[in-house]
Every structure is written in structure tokens, then in C-alpha cells.
Amino acid sequence: MPEHEQDLHAQDAETRLTDAELRGMEASALVEAVKRGEPQAFNQLVTRYRPRIFALALHLTGSRSTADDITQDAFLRAYKNIDRFEGRSEFFTWLYRIALNRALNVRRNSRRRITMSLDDPRLTMALEVDGGGDPRRTLELRETYTLLLRSFDALTPLLRTTIALTQLQGLSHKEAAVVLETAEGTIAWRVHEARRKMRETMEKMLRDPTPTERRKVAEQNRRRREEPAETRSLEDALAGFVLPNGAELAG
């Protein structure tokens, strides 16, 4: 290699960012590093945001393999179009929009509604985390989570995506409005409408419960009130915003 090329190669190696430096950088700085030709910076963006993008896709499709495909495709599209990101919004909202559009297209093309099953990955993953290895607790949560997920899946695509972003992903109404390209007030209305529709769905499912089912639900509600607040879970995220203050599923 000619001497001047060796010098350029050495200078380039010296300017490359270390993994430790990349981990400490803000998303906007990582995006700029990718634009400058440092692909390892994008690896850090993948590491940082992949779990949340996968969770979003899983909630909207109910399929682990489909969610994985959507997640990979979203990051691939983001990498290929990184020069189009102008920084007018946060990178994660731009990435969410890409993943969300892909997930909605997949659902639309499949032409079928999500049908919950006993091995629904959303259900099994939530039970693994929140059941704590306690068979009795897991059984109780299974009944509650099944009810919540069925009411969630019954929502329209717009309401379902709004709830997935605000309640399950923790985005503010302002952030969700940016992702969904709508007004903040519209997000607030959708959350309110989703609450109403989910309550209606659950009421239909529990309208004529057997005495045993009624006792089980009442016991679940009692324990929920007595247990201390823990890490945000599916039960907390959905039941907490669906149920009006002081109301019980058993009615």
C-alpha cells in the first residue's frame, strides 16, 4: 500500500468511534455518525430500540415470527433511508412510524383477525414475566390477560395502534401524535374511545358468568387492590386504564 494511503487508513482508524463511545451517544448523534459512514453506529441504534419495536409488532400481529420479520424489515428500511431523516422529530418516532406502517400492511394483507390461542406469544411472555413461577398466580393471570387481550384485539386498527403506543409502549400523547401523524387531541379521543369499547367488550364476555367465574374475577380484583404496585405489566398497562375508578370486572 502506498505511504499516503497508509497514512489515510491510519487516520481513519483513529477517528472511528469505540463501542463505549457509541453507547454513550444520543440517538441524534448516532444517526449523524451513520450518515458520516460509520455503520457500527447503526448497530447501537438497533440494540437500543429493537426490543420496543419487536414488542410493538408483536402486540399488533400476535405472531412472534411475523413480529421478528417486521422488526428486521423496519431497521433495514431505516438504514437504507437514513439520509432522508432530517431530524425534525426524534429518531425513535421516525422508526416507530416505519415499523407501524409495516405492521399494518401485514395485517391488512393477511385479511384475517388475530385469533387468540393458549399459546399466543403475547400471553405466554406476559405470564412468564408476571407469573413468577407460581402456578396459581399464573392461572389467575391467564384468565385476566386473556380477557384483556381479546378486548384489545377487538379494537379497530387506529384504536389498537394508539393503545399499543401510549399504554403498552409508554409514549406520551404528543409522541404518539407524531408517530401517527395526527393531532394530540385526536390521540386523547382515541384513548377515551378505546377505553369505552374495551369495557363494552369485556362486559359482553362477563355478562353471564358462572358463579365460579364470578368468584374468580372478584378474587382477582381483591388481590389487585391489595398487592403493592410493581413493574409495569400487561395487566397494569391495560386493566389500569380500561377499568373506571373503583369498578370491578365482575360488576
C-alpha atoms as a PDB file:
ATOM      1  CA  MET A   1       0.000   0.000   0.000  1.00  0.00           C
ATOM      2  CA  PRO A   2       1.417   3.466  -0.918  1.00  0.00           C
ATOM      3  CA  GLU A   3       2.618   5.547   2.011  1.00  0.00           C
ATOM      4  CA  HIS A   4      -0.053   8.257   1.612  1.00  0.00           C
ATOM      5  CA  GLU A   5      -2.824   5.629   1.585  1.00  0.00           C
ATOM      6  CA  GLN A   6      -1.365   4.051   4.714  1.00  0.00           C
ATOM      7  CA  ASP A   7      -1.485   7.444   6.441  1.00  0.00           C
ATOM      8  CA  LEU A   8      -5.135   7.948   5.411  1.00  0.00           C
ATOM      9  CA  HIS A   9      -6.027   4.455   6.627  1.00  0.00           C
ATOM     10  CA  ALA A  10      -4.354   5.100   9.971  1.00  0.00           C
ATOM     11  CA  GLN A  11      -6.129   8.441  10.357  1.00  0.00           C
ATOM     12  CA  ASP A  12      -9.474   6.801   9.537  1.00  0.00           C
ATOM     13  CA  ALA A  13      -8.914   4.092  12.172  1.00  0.00           C
ATOM     14  CA  GLU A  14      -8.047   6.740  14.753  1.00  0.00           C
ATOM     15  CA  THR A  15     -11.282   8.678  14.104  1.00  0.00           C
ATOM     16  CA  ARG A  16     -13.570   5.670  14.369  1.00  0.00           C
ATOM     17  CA  LEU A  17     -15.720   5.646  17.467  1.00  0.00           C
ATOM     18  CA  THR A  18     -15.275   2.947  20.081  1.00  0.00           C
ATOM     19  CA  ASP A  19     -18.182   0.805  21.312  1.00  0.00           C
ATOM     20  CA  ALA A  20     -18.057   2.609  24.660  1.00  0.00           C
ATOM     21  CA  GLU A  21     -18.319   5.982  22.932  1.00  0.00           C
ATOM     22  CA  LEU A  22     -21.219   4.786  20.789  1.00  0.00           C
ATOM     23  CA  ARG A  23     -23.136   3.509  23.807  1.00  0.00           C
ATOM     24  CA  GLY A  24     -22.921   6.921  25.442  1.00  0.00           C
ATOM     25  CA  MET A  25     -24.134   8.881  22.429  1.00  0.00           C
ATOM     26  CA  GLU A  26     -27.608  10.327  21.953  1.00  0.00           C
ATOM     27  CA  ALA A  27     -29.705   8.850  19.154  1.00  0.00           C
ATOM     28  CA  SER A  28     -29.352  12.019  17.069  1.00  0.00           C
ATOM     29  CA  ALA A  29     -25.562  11.806  17.303  1.00  0.00           C
ATOM     30  CA  LEU A  30     -25.651   8.129  16.319  1.00  0.00           C
ATOM     31  CA  VAL A  31     -27.756   8.989  13.272  1.00  0.00           C
ATOM     32  CA  GLU A  32     -25.225  11.622  12.229  1.00  0.00           C
ATOM     33  CA  ALA A  33     -22.416   9.094  12.690  1.00  0.00           C
ATOM     34  CA  VAL A  34     -24.240   6.655  10.390  1.00  0.00           C
ATOM     35  CA  LYS A  35     -24.615   9.402   7.786  1.00  0.00           C
ATOM     36  CA  ARG A  36     -20.871  10.035   8.018  1.00  0.00           C
ATOM     37  CA  GLY A  37     -20.221   6.433   7.087  1.00  0.00           C
ATOM     38  CA  GLU A  38     -19.926   4.687  10.454  1.00  0.00           C
ATOM     39  CA  PRO A  39     -22.309   1.697  10.172  1.00  0.00           C
ATOM     40  CA  GLN A  40     -21.362   0.456  13.643  1.00  0.00           C
ATOM     41  CA  ALA A  41     -23.314   3.420  14.986  1.00  0.00           C
ATOM     42  CA  PHE A  42     -26.466   1.953  13.475  1.00  0.00           C
ATOM     43  CA  ASN A  43     -25.786  -1.310  15.313  1.00  0.00           C
ATOM     44  CA  GLN A  44     -26.088   0.680  18.517  1.00  0.00           C
ATOM     45  CA  LEU A  45     -29.445   2.076  17.380  1.00  0.00           C
ATOM     46  CA  VAL A  46     -30.629  -1.473  16.697  1.00  0.00           C
ATOM     47  CA  THR A  47     -29.504  -2.616  20.141  1.00  0.00           C
ATOM     48  CA  ARG A  48     -31.207   0.347  21.766  1.00  0.00           C
ATOM     49  CA  TYR A  49     -34.583   0.179  20.030  1.00  0.00           C
ATOM     50  CA  ARG A  50     -35.083  -3.395  18.818  1.00  0.00           C
ATOM     51  CA  PRO A  51     -36.887  -4.705  21.952  1.00  0.00           C
ATOM     52  CA  ARG A  52     -39.510  -1.953  21.780  1.00  0.00           C
ATOM     53  CA  ILE A  53     -40.041  -2.254  18.027  1.00  0.00           C
ATOM     54  CA  PHE A  54     -40.416  -6.023  18.358  1.00  0.00           C
ATOM     55  CA  ALA A  55     -42.908  -5.589  21.221  1.00  0.00           C
ATOM     56  CA  LEU A  56     -44.956  -3.138  19.155  1.00  0.00           C
ATOM     57  CA  ALA A  57     -45.066  -5.515  16.186  1.00  0.00           C
ATOM     58  CA  LEU A  58     -45.944  -8.445  18.431  1.00  0.00           C
ATOM     59  CA  HIS A  59     -48.866  -6.619  20.046  1.00  0.00           C
ATOM     60  CA  LEU A  60     -50.251  -5.664  16.640  1.00  0.00           C
ATOM     61  CA  THR A  61     -49.814  -9.023  14.892  1.00  0.00           C
ATOM     62  CA  GLY A  62     -49.939 -11.642  17.656  1.00  0.00           C
ATOM     63  CA  SER A  63     -47.210 -13.631  15.892  1.00  0.00           C
ATOM     64  CA  ARG A  64     -43.627 -13.907  17.091  1.00  0.00           C
ATOM     65  CA  SER A  65     -42.227 -14.796  13.653  1.00  0.00           C
ATOM     66  CA  THR A  66     -44.182 -12.027  11.922  1.00  0.00           C
ATOM     67  CA  ALA A  67     -43.083  -9.511  14.547  1.00  0.00           C
ATOM     68  CA  ASP A  68     -39.470 -10.563  14.041  1.00  0.00           C
ATOM     69  CA  ASP A  69     -39.792 -10.102  10.269  1.00  0.00           C
ATOM     70  CA  ILE A  70     -41.376  -6.678  10.712  1.00  0.00           C
ATOM     71  CA  THR A  71     -38.646  -5.624  13.138  1.00  0.00           C
ATOM     72  CA  GLN A  72     -35.843  -6.654  10.792  1.00  0.00           C
ATOM     73  CA  ASP A  73     -37.557  -5.015   7.838  1.00  0.00           C
ATOM     74  CA  ALA A  74     -38.123  -1.781   9.773  1.00  0.00           C
ATOM     75  CA  PHE A  75     -34.444  -1.448  10.668  1.00  0.00           C
ATOM     76  CA  LEU A  76     -33.370  -2.347   7.138  1.00  0.00           C
ATOM     77  CA  ARG A  77     -35.652   0.334   5.702  1.00  0.00           C
ATOM     78  CA  ALA A  78     -34.420   2.843   8.276  1.00  0.00           C
ATOM     79  CA  TYR A  79     -30.782   2.128   7.401  1.00  0.00           C
ATOM     80  CA  LYS A  80     -31.366   2.411   3.661  1.00  0.00           C
ATOM     81  CA  ASN A  81     -33.255   5.684   4.082  1.00  0.00           C
ATOM     82  CA  ILE A  82     -31.220   7.217   6.896  1.00  0.00           C
ATOM     83  CA  ASP A  83     -30.210  10.161   4.685  1.00  0.00           C
ATOM     84  CA  ARG A  84     -33.899  11.075   4.377  1.00  0.00           C
ATOM     85  CA  PHE A  85     -34.214  11.516   8.131  1.00  0.00           C
ATOM     86  CA  GLU A  86     -33.934  15.265   8.607  1.00  0.00           C
ATOM     87  CA  GLY A  87     -34.143  15.335  12.381  1.00  0.00           C
ATOM     88  CA  ARG A  88     -37.424  17.271  12.541  1.00  0.00           C
ATOM     89  CA  SER A  89     -38.647  14.674  15.050  1.00  0.00           C
ATOM     90  CA  GLU A  90     -36.959  12.173  17.329  1.00  0.00           C
ATOM     91  CA  PHE A  91     -35.354   9.194  15.579  1.00  0.00           C
ATOM     92  CA  PHE A  92     -37.428   6.717  17.554  1.00  0.00           C
ATOM     93  CA  THR A  93     -40.709   8.299  16.363  1.00  0.00           C
ATOM     94  CA  TRP A  94     -39.495   8.016  12.768  1.00  0.00           C
ATOM     95  CA  LEU A  95     -38.530   4.384  13.353  1.00  0.00           C
ATOM     96  CA  TYR A  96     -41.861   3.666  15.072  1.00  0.00           C
ATOM     97  CA  ARG A  97     -43.707   5.046  12.046  1.00  0.00           C
ATOM     98  CA  ILE A  98     -41.791   2.746   9.717  1.00  0.00           C
ATOM     99  CA  ALA A  99     -42.493  -0.306  11.879  1.00  0.00           C
ATOM    100  CA  LEU A 100     -46.113   0.660  12.417  1.00  0.00           C
ATOM    101  CA  ASN A 101     -46.813   1.084   8.707  1.00  0.00           C
ATOM    102  CA  ARG A 102     -45.196  -2.259   8.009  1.00  0.00           C
ATOM    103  CA  ALA A 103     -47.229  -3.996  10.728  1.00  0.00           C
ATOM    104  CA  LEU A 104     -50.487  -2.502   9.474  1.00  0.00           C
ATOM    105  CA  ASN A 105     -49.698  -3.582   5.908  1.00  0.00           C
ATOM    106  CA  VAL A 106     -49.023  -7.129   7.089  1.00  0.00           C
ATOM    107  CA  ARG A 107     -52.325  -7.237   8.986  1.00  0.00           C
ATOM    108  CA  ARG A 108     -54.181  -5.765   6.013  1.00  0.00           C
ATOM    109  CA  ASN A 109     -52.661  -8.229   3.550  1.00  0.00           C
ATOM    110  CA  SER A 110     -53.362 -11.207   5.806  1.00  0.00           C
ATOM    111  CA  ARG A 111     -57.098 -10.402   5.662  1.00  0.00           C
ATOM    112  CA  ARG A 112     -57.746 -12.068   8.972  1.00  0.00           C
ATOM    113  CA  ARG A 113     -58.298 -11.007  12.537  1.00  0.00           C
ATOM    114  CA  ILE A 114     -55.968 -12.051  15.309  1.00  0.00           C
ATOM    115  CA  THR A 115     -57.339 -15.161  16.964  1.00  0.00           C
ATOM    116  CA  MET A 116     -56.079 -15.692  20.477  1.00  0.00           C
ATOM    117  CA  SER A 117     -54.939 -19.158  21.472  1.00  0.00           C
ATOM    118  CA  LEU A 118     -53.498 -20.712  24.603  1.00  0.00           C
ATOM    119  CA  ASP A 119     -50.007 -20.376  23.127  1.00  0.00           C
ATOM    120  CA  ASP A 120     -50.419 -16.757  21.995  1.00  0.00           C
ATOM    121  CA  PRO A 121     -46.870 -15.362  22.381  1.00  0.00           C
ATOM    122  CA  ARG A 122     -48.143 -12.150  23.960  1.00  0.00           C
ATOM    123  CA  LEU A 123     -49.916 -14.186  26.604  1.00  0.00           C
ATOM    124  CA  THR A 124     -47.104 -16.638  27.284  1.00  0.00           C
ATOM    125  CA  MET A 125     -44.464 -13.897  27.506  1.00  0.00           C
ATOM    126  CA  ALA A 126     -46.565 -11.837  29.933  1.00  0.00           C
ATOM    127  CA  LEU A 127     -47.245 -14.896  32.094  1.00  0.00           C
ATOM    128  CA  GLU A 128     -43.558 -15.817  32.193  1.00  0.00           C
ATOM    129  CA  VAL A 129     -42.714 -12.352  33.496  1.00  0.00           C
ATOM    130  CA  ASP A 130     -45.631 -11.729  35.835  1.00  0.00           C
ATOM    131  CA  GLY A 131     -46.455 -15.264  36.967  1.00  0.00           C
ATOM    132  CA  GLY A 132     -43.206 -15.542  38.898  1.00  0.00           C
ATOM    133  CA  GLY A 133     -43.203 -19.325  38.547  1.00  0.00           C
ATOM    134  CA  ASP A 134     -46.291 -19.571  40.782  1.00  0.00           C
ATOM    135  CA  PRO A 135     -48.817 -21.922  39.074  1.00  0.00           C
ATOM    136  CA  ARG A 136     -51.767 -20.464  40.962  1.00  0.00           C
ATOM    137  CA  ARG A 137     -50.807 -16.892  40.165  1.00  0.00           C
ATOM    138  CA  THR A 138     -50.153 -17.832  36.543  1.00  0.00           C
ATOM    139  CA  LEU A 139     -53.603 -19.400  36.229  1.00  0.00           C
ATOM    140  CA  GLU A 140     -55.280 -16.305  37.644  1.00  0.00           C
ATOM    141  CA  LEU A 141     -53.305 -14.004  35.355  1.00  0.00           C
ATOM    142  CA  ARG A 142     -54.054 -16.164  32.338  1.00  0.00           C
ATOM    143  CA  GLU A 143     -57.778 -15.549  32.751  1.00  0.00           C
ATOM    144  CA  THR A 144     -57.335 -11.811  33.238  1.00  0.00           C
ATOM    145  CA  TYR A 145     -54.798 -11.387  30.433  1.00  0.00           C
ATOM    146  CA  THR A 146     -56.914 -13.416  28.012  1.00  0.00           C
ATOM    147  CA  LEU A 147     -59.850 -11.129  28.685  1.00  0.00           C
ATOM    148  CA  LEU A 148     -57.756  -8.017  28.196  1.00  0.00           C
ATOM    149  CA  LEU A 149     -56.074  -9.202  25.016  1.00  0.00           C
ATOM    150  CA  ARG A 150     -59.348 -10.240  23.442  1.00  0.00           C
ATOM    151  CA  SER A 151     -60.824  -6.820  24.106  1.00  0.00           C
ATOM    152  CA  PHE A 152     -57.628  -5.206  22.769  1.00  0.00           C
ATOM    153  CA  ASP A 153     -57.695  -7.276  19.574  1.00  0.00           C
ATOM    154  CA  ALA A 154     -61.342  -6.349  19.005  1.00  0.00           C
ATOM    155  CA  LEU A 155     -60.413  -2.665  18.600  1.00  0.00           C
ATOM    156  CA  THR A 156     -60.142  -1.027  15.197  1.00  0.00           C
ATOM    157  CA  PRO A 157     -56.601  -0.684  13.772  1.00  0.00           C
ATOM    158  CA  LEU A 158     -56.409   3.031  14.675  1.00  0.00           C
ATOM    159  CA  LEU A 159     -57.527   2.485  18.256  1.00  0.00           C
ATOM    160  CA  ARG A 160     -55.355  -0.597  18.669  1.00  0.00           C
ATOM    161  CA  THR A 161     -52.216   1.164  17.441  1.00  0.00           C
ATOM    162  CA  THR A 162     -52.943   4.174  19.637  1.00  0.00           C
ATOM    163  CA  ILE A 163     -53.271   1.967  22.708  1.00  0.00           C
ATOM    164  CA  ALA A 164     -50.180  -0.036  21.778  1.00  0.00           C
ATOM    165  CA  LEU A 165     -48.141   3.165  21.598  1.00  0.00           C
ATOM    166  CA  THR A 166     -49.493   5.025  24.606  1.00  0.00           C
ATOM    167  CA  GLN A 167     -50.364   2.287  27.102  1.00  0.00           C
ATOM    168  CA  LEU A 168     -48.054  -0.585  26.173  1.00  0.00           C
ATOM    169  CA  GLN A 169     -45.080   1.400  24.877  1.00  0.00           C
ATOM    170  CA  GLY A 170     -45.400   4.328  27.255  1.00  0.00           C
ATOM    171  CA  LEU A 171     -45.342   7.110  24.671  1.00  0.00           C
ATOM    172  CA  SER A 172     -46.907  10.414  25.621  1.00  0.00           C
ATOM    173  CA  HIS A 173     -49.918  11.645  23.676  1.00  0.00           C
ATOM    174  CA  LYS A 174     -47.631  14.169  21.996  1.00  0.00           C
ATOM    175  CA  GLU A 175     -45.139  11.484  20.925  1.00  0.00           C
ATOM    176  CA  ALA A 176     -47.902   9.171  19.709  1.00  0.00           C
ATOM    177  CA  ALA A 177     -49.377  12.046  17.708  1.00  0.00           C
ATOM    178  CA  VAL A 178     -46.048  12.485  15.916  1.00  0.00           C
ATOM    179  CA  VAL A 179     -45.793   8.761  15.137  1.00  0.00           C
ATOM    180  CA  LEU A 180     -49.374   8.561  13.868  1.00  0.00           C
ATOM    181  CA  GLU A 181     -49.163  11.956  12.160  1.00  0.00           C
ATOM    182  CA  THR A 182     -52.251  13.368  13.832  1.00  0.00           C
ATOM    183  CA  ALA A 183     -53.212  15.884  16.491  1.00  0.00           C
ATOM    184  CA  GLU A 184     -52.548  15.364  20.188  1.00  0.00           C
ATOM    185  CA  GLY A 185     -56.238  15.884  20.878  1.00  0.00           C
ATOM    186  CA  THR A 186     -57.066  13.082  18.473  1.00  0.00           C
ATOM    187  CA  ILE A 187     -54.844  10.725  20.448  1.00  0.00           C
ATOM    188  CA  ALA A 188     -56.658  11.659  23.654  1.00  0.00           C
ATOM    189  CA  TRP A 189     -60.025  10.982  21.991  1.00  0.00           C
ATOM    190  CA  ARG A 190     -58.848   7.600  20.671  1.00  0.00           C
ATOM    191  CA  VAL A 191     -57.652   6.539  24.123  1.00  0.00           C
ATOM    192  CA  HIS A 192     -61.023   7.521  25.570  1.00  0.00           C
ATOM    193  CA  GLU A 193     -62.875   5.677  22.805  1.00  0.00           C
ATOM    194  CA  ALA A 194     -60.686   2.595  23.250  1.00  0.00           C
ATOM    195  CA  ARG A 195     -61.486   2.553  26.976  1.00  0.00           C
ATOM    196  CA  ARG A 196     -65.186   2.620  26.209  1.00  0.00           C
ATOM    197  CA  LYS A 197     -65.022  -0.102  23.581  1.00  0.00           C
ATOM    198  CA  MET A 198     -62.823  -2.379  25.672  1.00  0.00           C
ATOM    199  CA  ARG A 199     -65.185  -2.026  28.621  1.00  0.00           C
ATOM    200  CA  GLU A 200     -68.087  -2.944  26.365  1.00  0.00           C
ATOM    201  CA  THR A 201     -66.258  -5.994  25.039  1.00  0.00           C
ATOM    202  CA  MET A 202     -65.350  -7.202  28.496  1.00  0.00           C
ATOM    203  CA  GLU A 203     -68.872  -6.643  29.754  1.00  0.00           C
ATOM    204  CA  LYS A 204     -70.196  -8.821  26.940  1.00  0.00           C
ATOM    205  CA  MET A 205     -67.748 -11.574  27.811  1.00  0.00           C
ATOM    206  CA  LEU A 206     -68.629 -11.357  31.501  1.00  0.00           C
ATOM    207  CA  ARG A 207     -72.322 -10.601  31.224  1.00  0.00           C
ATOM    208  CA  ASP A 208     -73.463 -14.070  32.177  1.00  0.00           C
ATOM    209  CA  PRO A 209     -70.558 -15.679  34.026  1.00  0.00           C
ATOM    210  CA  THR A 210     -70.979 -18.827  36.031  1.00  0.00           C
ATOM    211  CA  PRO A 211     -70.827 -18.482  39.845  1.00  0.00           C
ATOM    212  CA  THR A 212     -67.317 -19.962  39.768  1.00  0.00           C
ATOM    213  CA  GLU A 213     -66.115 -17.470  37.142  1.00  0.00           C
ATOM    214  CA  ARG A 214     -67.683 -14.595  39.091  1.00  0.00           C
ATOM    215  CA  ARG A 215     -65.884 -15.628  42.286  1.00  0.00           C
ATOM    216  CA  LYS A 216     -62.587 -15.924  40.414  1.00  0.00           C
ATOM    217  CA  VAL A 217     -62.862 -12.447  38.936  1.00  0.00           C
ATOM    218  CA  ALA A 218     -63.893 -10.925  42.262  1.00  0.00           C
ATOM    219  CA  GLU A 219     -60.908 -12.570  43.940  1.00  0.00           C
ATOM    220  CA  GLN A 220     -58.576 -11.261  41.233  1.00  0.00           C
ATOM    221  CA  ASN A 221     -59.887  -7.727  41.736  1.00  0.00           C
ATOM    222  CA  ARG A 222     -59.453  -8.010  45.506  1.00  0.00           C
ATOM    223  CA  ARG A 223     -55.854  -9.163  45.152  1.00  0.00           C
ATOM    224  CA  ARG A 224     -55.108  -6.441  42.608  1.00  0.00           C
ATOM    225  CA  ARG A 225     -56.220  -3.800  45.113  1.00  0.00           C
ATOM    226  CA  GLU A 226     -54.209  -5.314  47.959  1.00  0.00           C
ATOM    227  CA  GLU A 227     -50.976  -6.025  46.090  1.00  0.00           C
ATOM    228  CA  PRO A 228     -48.291  -3.294  46.036  1.00  0.00           C
ATOM    229  CA  ALA A 229     -47.521  -1.602  42.735  1.00  0.00           C
ATOM    230  CA  GLU A 230     -44.880  -3.460  40.750  1.00  0.00           C
ATOM    231  CA  THR A 231     -43.144  -3.151  37.400  1.00  0.00           C
ATOM    232  CA  ARG A 232     -45.482  -2.124  34.582  1.00  0.00           C
ATOM    233  CA  SER A 233     -47.048  -5.287  33.183  1.00  0.00           C
ATOM    234  CA  LEU A 234     -49.720  -6.185  30.687  1.00  0.00           C
ATOM    235  CA  GLU A 235     -52.271  -6.309  33.488  1.00  0.00           C
ATOM    236  CA  ASP A 236     -51.217  -2.915  34.815  1.00  0.00           C
ATOM    237  CA  ALA A 237     -50.998  -1.309  31.386  1.00  0.00           C
ATOM    238  CA  LEU A 238     -54.375  -2.453  30.135  1.00  0.00           C
ATOM    239  CA  ALA A 239     -56.545  -3.106  33.184  1.00  0.00           C
ATOM    240  CA  GLY A 240     -55.391   0.114  34.801  1.00  0.00           C
ATOM    241  CA  PHE A 241     -56.673   2.325  32.027  1.00  0.00           C
ATOM    242  CA  VAL A 242     -59.665   0.235  30.943  1.00  0.00           C
ATOM    243  CA  LEU A 243     -61.424  -0.012  34.263  1.00  0.00           C
ATOM    244  CA  PRO A 244     -63.082   3.091  35.695  1.00  0.00           C
ATOM    245  CA  ASN A 245     -62.036   4.053  39.217  1.00  0.00           C
ATOM    246  CA  GLY A 246     -63.257   1.531  41.750  1.00  0.00           C
ATOM    247  CA  ALA A 247     -65.014  -0.643  39.171  1.00  0.00           C
ATOM    248  CA  GLU A 248     -64.757  -4.408  39.109  1.00  0.00           C
ATOM    249  CA  LEU A 249     -64.878  -6.700  36.117  1.00  0.00           C
ATOM    250  CA  ALA A 250     -67.492  -8.839  37.774  1.00  0.00           C
ATOM    251  CA  GLY A 251     -69.749  -5.831  38.040  1.00  0.00           C
END
